[in-house]
Amino acid sequence: MNKRYRTKSRIKTGTYTGDGTEGQTITGVGFRPKYVEIVCSPSDGTETGFTYTKLDQGWGDFCHIHIANNHSDVANAINSLDADGFTVDDAGSDADPNTNSAIYDYIAFG
């Protein structure tokens, strides 16, 4: 196989705590992700949990949210995919995926 076509897949999972700011940087991933998914489920077990995803498609970024079987595109959620992680926003109203003191799980692929 030609070395030119070999790629190294990387996956990192982790947790972070929201700080309510409009630009919290999550670092320590170890690579620039091509895809990030952030999941938060309420502690009461209701179906109002959500999943945010951001995909770097080379021609721009896409951010999508899934809440209780409803889907929509969103702005001001995952701001960027960075050299060592990603940056999240609180959507200007202390909302997910960066609500102050909320705990979030993520998976990053690179």
C-alpha atoms as a PDB file:
ATOM      1  CA  MET A   1       0.000   0.000   0.000  1.00  0.00           C
ATOM      2  CA  ASN A   2       1.234   3.451  -0.847  1.00  0.00           C
ATOM      3  CA  LYS A   3       2.103   5.391   2.314  1.00  0.00           C
ATOM      4  CA  ARG A   4       0.470   8.455   0.864  1.00  0.00           C
ATOM      5  CA  TYR A   5      -2.968   6.964   1.447  1.00  0.00           C
ATOM      6  CA  ARG A   6      -2.451   5.738   4.966  1.00  0.00           C
ATOM      7  CA  THR A   7      -4.244   7.710   7.609  1.00  0.00           C
ATOM      8  CA  LYS A   8      -4.189   7.540  11.358  1.00  0.00           C
ATOM      9  CA  SER A   9      -7.611   7.545  12.957  1.00  0.00           C
ATOM     10  CA  ARG A  10      -7.864   9.199  16.337  1.00  0.00           C
ATOM     11  CA  ILE A  11     -10.710   9.125  18.847  1.00  0.00           C
ATOM     12  CA  LYS A  12     -10.931  10.880  22.198  1.00  0.00           C
ATOM     13  CA  THR A  13     -13.737  10.875  24.739  1.00  0.00           C
ATOM     14  CA  GLY A  14     -13.997  13.186  27.683  1.00  0.00           C
ATOM     15  CA  THR A  15     -16.081  15.333  29.972  1.00  0.00           C
ATOM     16  CA  TYR A  16     -16.108  19.045  30.670  1.00  0.00           C
ATOM     17  CA  THR A  17     -18.076  21.360  32.938  1.00  0.00           C
ATOM     18  CA  GLY A  18     -19.812  24.362  31.398  1.00  0.00           C
ATOM     19  CA  ASP A  19     -18.730  27.790  32.609  1.00  0.00           C
ATOM     20  CA  GLY A  20     -21.508  29.911  31.061  1.00  0.00           C
ATOM     21  CA  THR A  21     -19.164  32.018  28.951  1.00  0.00           C
ATOM     22  CA  GLU A  22     -19.448  32.729  25.262  1.00  0.00           C
ATOM     23  CA  GLY A  23     -16.213  30.967  24.404  1.00  0.00           C
ATOM     24  CA  GLN A  24     -14.920  28.143  26.592  1.00  0.00           C
ATOM     25  CA  THR A  25     -12.045  26.268  24.968  1.00  0.00           C
ATOM     26  CA  ILE A  26     -11.880  22.534  25.649  1.00  0.00           C
ATOM     27  CA  THR A  27      -8.267  21.356  25.282  1.00  0.00           C
ATOM     28  CA  GLY A  28      -6.341  18.154  25.832  1.00  0.00           C
ATOM     29  CA  VAL A  29      -7.864  16.237  22.946  1.00  0.00           C
ATOM     30  CA  GLY A  30      -4.400  15.780  21.439  1.00  0.00           C
ATOM     31  CA  PHE A  31      -5.340  16.532  17.816  1.00  0.00           C
ATOM     32  CA  ARG A  32      -7.538  18.794  15.697  1.00  0.00           C
ATOM     33  CA  PRO A  33     -10.916  17.055  15.528  1.00  0.00           C
ATOM     34  CA  LYS A  34     -12.735  16.609  12.245  1.00  0.00           C
ATOM     35  CA  TYR A  35     -15.947  15.756  14.101  1.00  0.00           C
ATOM     36  CA  VAL A  36     -17.136  16.492  17.647  1.00  0.00           C
ATOM     37  CA  GLU A  37     -20.309  15.311  19.333  1.00  0.00           C
ATOM     38  CA  ILE A  38     -21.398  16.721  22.691  1.00  0.00           C
ATOM     39  CA  VAL A  39     -24.091  14.990  24.711  1.00  0.00           C
ATOM     40  CA  CYS A  40     -25.943  16.155  27.790  1.00  0.00           C
ATOM     41  CA  SER A  41     -28.831  14.281  29.323  1.00  0.00           C
ATOM     42  CA  PRO A  42     -30.794  15.733  32.196  1.00  0.00           C
ATOM     43  CA  SER A  43     -30.278  14.062  35.551  1.00  0.00           C
ATOM     44  CA  ASP A  44     -34.024  13.500  35.957  1.00  0.00           C
ATOM     45  CA  GLY A  45     -34.079  10.992  33.071  1.00  0.00           C
ATOM     46  CA  THR A  46     -36.483  12.958  30.866  1.00  0.00           C
ATOM     47  CA  GLU A  47     -36.116  12.937  27.089  1.00  0.00           C
ATOM     48  CA  THR A  48     -35.058  16.554  26.836  1.00  0.00           C
ATOM     49  CA  GLY A  49     -31.394  15.663  26.486  1.00  0.00           C
ATOM     50  CA  PHE A  50     -29.571  16.875  23.414  1.00  0.00           C
ATOM     51  CA  THR A  51     -26.707  16.096  21.112  1.00  0.00           C
ATOM     52  CA  TYR A  52     -24.647  18.783  19.409  1.00  0.00           C
ATOM     53  CA  THR A  53     -22.409  17.806  16.521  1.00  0.00           C
ATOM     54  CA  LYS A  54     -19.907  19.774  14.504  1.00  0.00           C
ATOM     55  CA  LEU A  55     -18.277  18.482  11.350  1.00  0.00           C
ATOM     56  CA  ASP A  56     -15.418  20.076   9.449  1.00  0.00           C
ATOM     57  CA  GLN A  57     -16.231  19.282   5.856  1.00  0.00           C
ATOM     58  CA  GLY A  58     -13.383  21.251   4.338  1.00  0.00           C
ATOM     59  CA  TRP A  59     -15.719  23.846   2.851  1.00  0.00           C
ATOM     60  CA  GLY A  60     -17.176  25.013   6.133  1.00  0.00           C
ATOM     61  CA  ASP A  61     -18.471  23.841   9.453  1.00  0.00           C
ATOM     62  CA  PHE A  62     -21.852  22.369  10.230  1.00  0.00           C
ATOM     63  CA  CYS A  63     -23.464  22.312  13.645  1.00  0.00           C
ATOM     64  CA  HIS A  64     -26.609  20.338  14.337  1.00  0.00           C
ATOM     65  CA  ILE A  65     -28.705  19.735  17.422  1.00  0.00           C
ATOM     66  CA  HIS A  66     -30.998  16.841  18.308  1.00  0.00           C
ATOM     67  CA  ILE A  67     -33.487  17.355  21.135  1.00  0.00           C
ATOM     68  CA  ALA A  68     -36.122  14.724  21.883  1.00  0.00           C
ATOM     69  CA  ASN A  69     -36.532  13.606  18.251  1.00  0.00           C
ATOM     70  CA  ASN A  70     -36.423  17.146  16.840  1.00  0.00           C
ATOM     71  CA  HIS A  71     -33.508  18.228  14.683  1.00  0.00           C
ATOM     72  CA  SER A  72     -32.267  21.657  13.662  1.00  0.00           C
ATOM     73  CA  ASP A  73     -29.162  23.494  12.582  1.00  0.00           C
ATOM     74  CA  VAL A  74     -27.813  25.906  15.161  1.00  0.00           C
ATOM     75  CA  ALA A  75     -25.359  28.744  15.478  1.00  0.00           C
ATOM     76  CA  ASN A  76     -23.347  29.691  18.557  1.00  0.00           C
ATOM     77  CA  ALA A  77     -23.009  26.194  19.961  1.00  0.00           C
ATOM     78  CA  ILE A  78     -19.680  24.668  18.966  1.00  0.00           C
ATOM     79  CA  ASN A  79     -17.742  27.669  17.694  1.00  0.00           C
ATOM     80  CA  SER A  80     -14.677  25.963  16.307  1.00  0.00           C
ATOM     81  CA  LEU A  81     -12.638  22.806  15.970  1.00  0.00           C
ATOM     82  CA  ASP A  82      -9.175  23.721  17.237  1.00  0.00           C
ATOM     83  CA  ALA A  83      -5.632  22.360  17.112  1.00  0.00           C
ATOM     84  CA  ASP A  84      -6.025  20.543  20.466  1.00  0.00           C
ATOM     85  CA  GLY A  85      -9.797  20.427  20.972  1.00  0.00           C
ATOM     86  CA  PHE A  86     -12.788  22.664  20.366  1.00  0.00           C
ATOM     87  CA  THR A  87     -14.526  25.821  21.593  1.00  0.00           C
ATOM     88  CA  VAL A  88     -18.115  25.931  22.844  1.00  0.00           C
ATOM     89  CA  ASP A  89     -20.489  28.866  23.275  1.00  0.00           C
ATOM     90  CA  ASP A  90     -23.472  29.425  25.528  1.00  0.00           C
ATOM     91  CA  ALA A  91     -25.580  30.802  22.634  1.00  0.00           C
ATOM     92  CA  GLY A  92     -25.581  34.189  24.375  1.00  0.00           C
ATOM     93  CA  SER A  93     -28.095  33.133  27.014  1.00  0.00           C
ATOM     94  CA  ASP A  94     -26.199  30.714  29.276  1.00  0.00           C
ATOM     95  CA  ALA A  95     -27.620  27.829  27.274  1.00  0.00           C
ATOM     96  CA  ASP A  96     -26.138  24.528  26.153  1.00  0.00           C
ATOM     97  CA  PRO A  97     -23.555  23.323  25.367  1.00  0.00           C
ATOM     98  CA  ASN A  98     -21.918  25.602  27.924  1.00  0.00           C
ATOM     99  CA  THR A  99     -24.448  26.137  30.696  1.00  0.00           C
ATOM    100  CA  ASN A 100     -22.708  27.131  33.907  1.00  0.00           C
ATOM    101  CA  SER A 101     -21.981  24.047  36.088  1.00  0.00           C
ATOM    102  CA  ALA A 102     -23.605  21.563  33.659  1.00  0.00           C
ATOM    103  CA  ILE A 103     -21.556  18.462  32.877  1.00  0.00           C
ATOM    104  CA  TYR A 104     -21.109  17.447  29.244  1.00  0.00           C
ATOM    105  CA  ASP A 105     -19.668  14.330  27.616  1.00  0.00           C
ATOM    106  CA  TYR A 106     -17.944  14.518  24.246  1.00  0.00           C
ATOM    107  CA  ILE A 107     -16.397  12.327  21.623  1.00  0.00           C
ATOM    108  CA  ALA A 108     -13.949  13.730  19.092  1.00  0.00           C
ATOM    109  CA  PHE A 109     -12.710  12.077  15.915  1.00  0.00           C
ATOM    110  CA  GLY A 110      -9.668  13.173  13.981  1.00  0.00           C
END
